[in-house]
Amino acid sequence: MMGKTSGLLAEKKLYHSFIQKNLVDKLIITVAPTILGTGISLFREGDYHLDLSLVGMRNFNQFVELHYEVKK
């Protein structure tokens, strides 16, 4: 829906499709204080680039929630 905020928790393939089609205008990423060695990537490899601007941050308990807007 255009002009509406929607959240989704999905697999990397879906995120990748949305990013490639320029359908993402903001990201909210929650960081947990856990070290995973090699880690888990949030996004698939691809030929895209997003310029992000940090617009807010919230911490609760041991987590930090980062709010980014995509620069157009």
Foldseek 3Di string as FASTA:
>chain_A
DPPDDDDDDDDQVVVAVCQVVVNAFKDKDKDAPDDDPVDDDPHDDDDGDWDWDFDDWDDDDRMIITIIGTDD
